[in-house]
N, C-alpha and C. Protein backbone atom coordinates (compact mmCIF):
# COMPACT_ATOMS: atom_id res chain seq x y z
N MET A 1 -27.34 -35.93 10.66
CA MET A 1 -27.42 -34.72 9.86
C MET A 1 -26.03 -34.09 9.79
N SER A 2 -25.56 -33.82 8.61
CA SER A 2 -24.22 -33.26 8.48
C SER A 2 -24.25 -31.75 8.74
N GLN A 3 -23.12 -31.27 9.23
CA GLN A 3 -23.01 -29.85 9.52
C GLN A 3 -22.76 -29.08 8.24
N PRO A 4 -23.18 -27.80 8.21
CA PRO A 4 -22.93 -27.01 7.02
C PRO A 4 -21.43 -26.77 6.84
N ASN A 5 -21.02 -26.59 5.62
CA ASN A 5 -19.61 -26.34 5.34
C ASN A 5 -19.27 -24.94 5.81
N LEU A 6 -18.47 -24.85 6.87
CA LEU A 6 -18.07 -23.56 7.42
C LEU A 6 -16.93 -22.94 6.63
N LEU A 7 -16.24 -23.76 5.84
CA LEU A 7 -15.09 -23.30 5.08
C LEU A 7 -15.41 -23.30 3.60
N LYS A 8 -15.84 -22.21 3.11
CA LYS A 8 -16.11 -22.08 1.67
C LYS A 8 -14.76 -22.08 0.94
N SER A 9 -14.75 -22.57 -0.28
CA SER A 9 -13.48 -22.69 -1.01
C SER A 9 -12.78 -21.34 -1.17
N GLU A 10 -13.54 -20.26 -1.36
CA GLU A 10 -12.90 -18.95 -1.51
C GLU A 10 -12.28 -18.47 -0.19
N MET A 11 -12.69 -19.07 0.92
CA MET A 11 -12.18 -18.69 2.23
C MET A 11 -10.79 -19.28 2.48
N LEU A 12 -10.48 -20.39 1.84
CA LEU A 12 -9.23 -21.09 2.13
C LEU A 12 -8.00 -20.26 1.80
N ALA A 13 -8.03 -19.53 0.70
CA ALA A 13 -6.90 -18.66 0.34
C ALA A 13 -6.75 -17.54 1.36
N LYS A 14 -7.86 -17.04 1.86
CA LYS A 14 -7.81 -15.98 2.87
C LYS A 14 -7.23 -16.51 4.18
N ILE A 15 -7.59 -17.75 4.52
CA ILE A 15 -7.03 -18.37 5.73
C ILE A 15 -5.52 -18.46 5.60
N GLU A 16 -5.03 -18.92 4.45
CA GLU A 16 -3.59 -19.03 4.24
C GLU A 16 -2.91 -17.67 4.30
N ALA A 17 -3.52 -16.66 3.68
CA ALA A 17 -2.92 -15.32 3.67
C ALA A 17 -2.80 -14.76 5.08
N LEU A 18 -3.83 -14.93 5.89
CA LEU A 18 -3.78 -14.42 7.26
C LEU A 18 -2.81 -15.23 8.11
N ALA A 19 -2.74 -16.52 7.89
CA ALA A 19 -1.80 -17.36 8.63
C ALA A 19 -0.36 -16.96 8.31
N ALA A 20 -0.12 -16.51 7.09
CA ALA A 20 1.23 -16.07 6.70
C ALA A 20 1.68 -14.87 7.51
N THR A 21 0.73 -14.13 8.06
CA THR A 21 1.07 -12.95 8.87
C THR A 21 1.20 -13.29 10.35
N ARG A 22 1.20 -14.59 10.67
CA ARG A 22 1.39 -15.10 12.03
C ARG A 22 0.19 -14.89 12.94
N MET A 23 -0.99 -14.76 12.37
CA MET A 23 -2.20 -14.68 13.19
C MET A 23 -2.50 -16.07 13.74
N THR A 24 -3.13 -16.12 14.91
CA THR A 24 -3.51 -17.40 15.49
C THR A 24 -4.76 -17.94 14.80
N ALA A 25 -5.05 -19.21 15.04
CA ALA A 25 -6.24 -19.83 14.45
C ALA A 25 -7.50 -19.08 14.88
N GLN A 26 -7.57 -18.69 16.15
CA GLN A 26 -8.74 -17.96 16.65
C GLN A 26 -8.82 -16.57 16.00
N GLN A 27 -7.71 -15.88 15.87
CA GLN A 27 -7.71 -14.56 15.25
C GLN A 27 -8.17 -14.63 13.80
N ILE A 28 -7.72 -15.65 13.10
CA ILE A 28 -8.13 -15.82 11.69
C ILE A 28 -9.63 -16.06 11.62
N ALA A 29 -10.11 -16.94 12.48
CA ALA A 29 -11.56 -17.21 12.50
C ALA A 29 -12.34 -15.94 12.78
N ASP A 30 -11.88 -15.16 13.76
CA ASP A 30 -12.56 -13.91 14.09
C ASP A 30 -12.55 -12.94 12.92
N ALA A 31 -11.41 -12.81 12.27
CA ALA A 31 -11.29 -11.86 11.15
C ALA A 31 -12.17 -12.26 9.97
N LEU A 32 -12.38 -13.55 9.80
CA LEU A 32 -13.15 -14.04 8.65
C LEU A 32 -14.58 -14.43 9.02
N ASP A 33 -14.99 -14.11 10.23
CA ASP A 33 -16.34 -14.45 10.71
C ASP A 33 -16.64 -15.94 10.61
N ILE A 34 -15.66 -16.75 10.98
CA ILE A 34 -15.83 -18.20 11.03
C ILE A 34 -16.20 -18.56 12.47
N ASP A 35 -17.22 -19.36 12.64
CA ASP A 35 -17.61 -19.81 13.97
C ASP A 35 -16.63 -20.90 14.40
N PHE A 36 -15.62 -20.49 15.17
CA PHE A 36 -14.54 -21.40 15.53
C PHE A 36 -15.03 -22.54 16.41
N GLU A 37 -15.99 -22.27 17.28
CA GLU A 37 -16.53 -23.33 18.14
C GLU A 37 -17.27 -24.37 17.30
N ALA A 38 -18.03 -23.94 16.31
CA ALA A 38 -18.71 -24.88 15.41
C ALA A 38 -17.68 -25.67 14.60
N LEU A 39 -16.62 -25.00 14.19
CA LEU A 39 -15.56 -25.65 13.42
C LEU A 39 -14.91 -26.76 14.25
N LYS A 40 -14.72 -26.51 15.53
CA LYS A 40 -14.11 -27.51 16.42
C LYS A 40 -14.97 -28.77 16.55
N ARG A 41 -16.27 -28.63 16.33
CA ARG A 41 -17.16 -29.79 16.45
C ARG A 41 -17.17 -30.66 15.19
N ASP A 42 -16.51 -30.21 14.14
CA ASP A 42 -16.46 -30.97 12.89
C ASP A 42 -15.00 -31.32 12.60
N PRO A 43 -14.57 -32.52 12.99
CA PRO A 43 -13.16 -32.88 12.85
C PRO A 43 -12.62 -32.74 11.43
N GLN A 44 -13.43 -33.07 10.44
CA GLN A 44 -12.95 -32.98 9.05
C GLN A 44 -12.68 -31.53 8.66
N GLN A 45 -13.60 -30.64 8.98
CA GLN A 45 -13.40 -29.23 8.64
C GLN A 45 -12.29 -28.60 9.48
N LEU A 46 -12.20 -29.01 10.75
CA LEU A 46 -11.14 -28.49 11.61
C LEU A 46 -9.77 -28.89 11.07
N THR A 47 -9.66 -30.14 10.60
CA THR A 47 -8.40 -30.60 10.01
C THR A 47 -8.07 -29.78 8.77
N GLU A 48 -9.06 -29.56 7.92
CA GLU A 48 -8.84 -28.76 6.70
C GLU A 48 -8.40 -27.34 7.07
N TYR A 49 -9.03 -26.78 8.07
CA TYR A 49 -8.70 -25.43 8.54
C TYR A 49 -7.23 -25.37 8.95
N TYR A 50 -6.80 -26.31 9.77
CA TYR A 50 -5.43 -26.31 10.25
C TYR A 50 -4.42 -26.63 9.14
N VAL A 51 -4.81 -27.43 8.16
CA VAL A 51 -3.91 -27.68 7.02
C VAL A 51 -3.62 -26.37 6.30
N HIS A 52 -4.65 -25.56 6.09
CA HIS A 52 -4.46 -24.29 5.39
C HIS A 52 -3.72 -23.28 6.25
N ILE A 53 -3.89 -23.34 7.55
CA ILE A 53 -3.09 -22.48 8.43
C ILE A 53 -1.62 -22.89 8.34
N ARG A 54 -1.36 -24.19 8.38
CA ARG A 54 0.03 -24.67 8.28
C ARG A 54 0.67 -24.24 6.96
N LYS A 55 -0.07 -24.38 5.87
CA LYS A 55 0.45 -23.96 4.56
C LYS A 55 0.73 -22.46 4.54
N GLY A 56 -0.19 -21.69 5.09
CA GLY A 56 -0.02 -20.23 5.11
C GLY A 56 1.19 -19.82 5.92
N LYS A 57 1.36 -20.44 7.09
CA LYS A 57 2.52 -20.11 7.93
C LYS A 57 3.82 -20.46 7.22
N ALA A 58 3.83 -21.59 6.51
CA ALA A 58 5.03 -21.99 5.77
C ALA A 58 5.33 -21.00 4.65
N LYS A 59 4.29 -20.55 3.96
CA LYS A 59 4.50 -19.56 2.89
C LYS A 59 5.01 -18.24 3.47
N GLY A 60 4.47 -17.84 4.59
CA GLY A 60 4.93 -16.61 5.23
C GLY A 60 6.38 -16.72 5.67
N GLU A 61 6.72 -17.87 6.25
CA GLU A 61 8.11 -18.11 6.67
C GLU A 61 9.05 -18.08 5.47
N ALA A 62 8.63 -18.65 4.37
CA ALA A 62 9.45 -18.65 3.15
C ALA A 62 9.67 -17.23 2.65
N GLU A 63 8.63 -16.42 2.67
CA GLU A 63 8.76 -15.03 2.23
C GLU A 63 9.74 -14.26 3.11
N LEU A 64 9.61 -14.45 4.43
CA LEU A 64 10.51 -13.75 5.36
C LEU A 64 11.95 -14.20 5.19
N ARG A 65 12.15 -15.50 5.06
CA ARG A 65 13.52 -15.99 4.89
C ARG A 65 14.13 -15.53 3.58
N THR A 66 13.32 -15.48 2.54
CA THR A 66 13.82 -15.00 1.25
C THR A 66 14.28 -13.56 1.37
N ALA A 67 13.47 -12.73 2.03
CA ALA A 67 13.83 -11.32 2.22
C ALA A 67 15.08 -11.20 3.08
N LEU A 68 15.15 -12.00 4.14
CA LEU A 68 16.30 -11.97 5.04
C LEU A 68 17.56 -12.43 4.30
N PHE A 69 17.44 -13.47 3.50
CA PHE A 69 18.57 -13.99 2.74
C PHE A 69 19.08 -12.93 1.76
N LYS A 70 18.16 -12.24 1.12
CA LYS A 70 18.55 -11.19 0.17
C LYS A 70 19.32 -10.09 0.89
N LEU A 71 18.84 -9.67 2.05
CA LEU A 71 19.54 -8.64 2.81
C LEU A 71 20.92 -9.13 3.25
N ALA A 72 21.01 -10.37 3.68
CA ALA A 72 22.29 -10.92 4.11
C ALA A 72 23.28 -10.96 2.95
N ARG A 73 22.81 -11.33 1.78
CA ARG A 73 23.69 -11.36 0.60
C ARG A 73 24.17 -9.98 0.21
N GLU A 74 23.37 -8.96 0.56
CA GLU A 74 23.75 -7.58 0.26
C GLU A 74 24.65 -6.99 1.34
N GLY A 75 25.01 -7.81 2.35
CA GLY A 75 25.95 -7.38 3.36
C GLY A 75 25.35 -6.91 4.67
N ASP A 76 24.06 -7.08 4.86
CA ASP A 76 23.41 -6.67 6.11
C ASP A 76 23.81 -7.63 7.22
N ALA A 77 24.61 -7.14 8.17
CA ALA A 77 25.13 -8.00 9.24
C ALA A 77 24.01 -8.53 10.14
N PHE A 78 23.01 -7.71 10.44
CA PHE A 78 21.90 -8.16 11.27
C PHE A 78 21.17 -9.32 10.59
N ALA A 79 20.91 -9.19 9.30
CA ALA A 79 20.21 -10.25 8.56
C ALA A 79 21.03 -11.53 8.57
N LEU A 80 22.33 -11.40 8.41
CA LEU A 80 23.20 -12.59 8.43
C LEU A 80 23.15 -13.28 9.79
N ARG A 81 23.19 -12.50 10.87
CA ARG A 81 23.09 -13.09 12.22
C ARG A 81 21.76 -13.80 12.41
N GLU A 82 20.69 -13.19 11.94
CA GLU A 82 19.37 -13.80 12.08
C GLU A 82 19.28 -15.12 11.31
N LEU A 83 19.84 -15.14 10.11
CA LEU A 83 19.84 -16.38 9.32
C LEU A 83 20.64 -17.47 10.04
N LEU A 84 21.75 -17.10 10.62
CA LEU A 84 22.56 -18.07 11.34
C LEU A 84 21.81 -18.60 12.56
N LYS A 85 21.04 -17.73 13.25
CA LYS A 85 20.23 -18.18 14.38
C LYS A 85 19.17 -19.18 13.92
N VAL A 86 18.53 -18.88 12.82
CA VAL A 86 17.49 -19.77 12.29
C VAL A 86 18.11 -21.13 11.96
N GLU A 87 19.25 -21.10 11.31
CA GLU A 87 19.93 -22.34 10.93
C GLU A 87 20.33 -23.14 12.17
N LYS A 88 20.84 -22.44 13.18
CA LYS A 88 21.26 -23.12 14.42
C LYS A 88 20.05 -23.74 15.11
N ASN A 89 18.93 -23.01 15.15
CA ASN A 89 17.71 -23.54 15.77
C ASN A 89 17.19 -24.77 15.02
N GLN A 90 17.31 -24.77 13.71
CA GLN A 90 16.86 -25.93 12.93
C GLN A 90 17.75 -27.14 13.19
N ASP A 91 19.04 -26.89 13.38
CA ASP A 91 19.95 -27.99 13.66
C ASP A 91 19.66 -28.63 15.02
N ASN A 92 19.14 -27.81 15.96
CA ASN A 92 18.84 -28.31 17.30
C ASN A 92 17.52 -29.07 17.35
N ASN A 93 16.69 -28.94 16.34
CA ASN A 93 15.38 -29.62 16.36
C ASN A 93 15.41 -30.93 15.66
């Protein structure tokens, strides 16, 4: 017997939006009333859940970097230092 679909299609955009704000997988599930324990028992749905979390986090990171880059271009020394830290950390990985 297959498990019910815990991730409705309209929920996926909400998962991405919350992930963009750096919420954890458990926090997102709690906020959206997703039964995280049931989700863990369905590998296919759990994979889909984490794919959308990954996409959301990447979108959030892109938004933050864009804002930081804009500030750095406008002469904000703190923003420039932060961008250089991010770049240095990426080079080390």
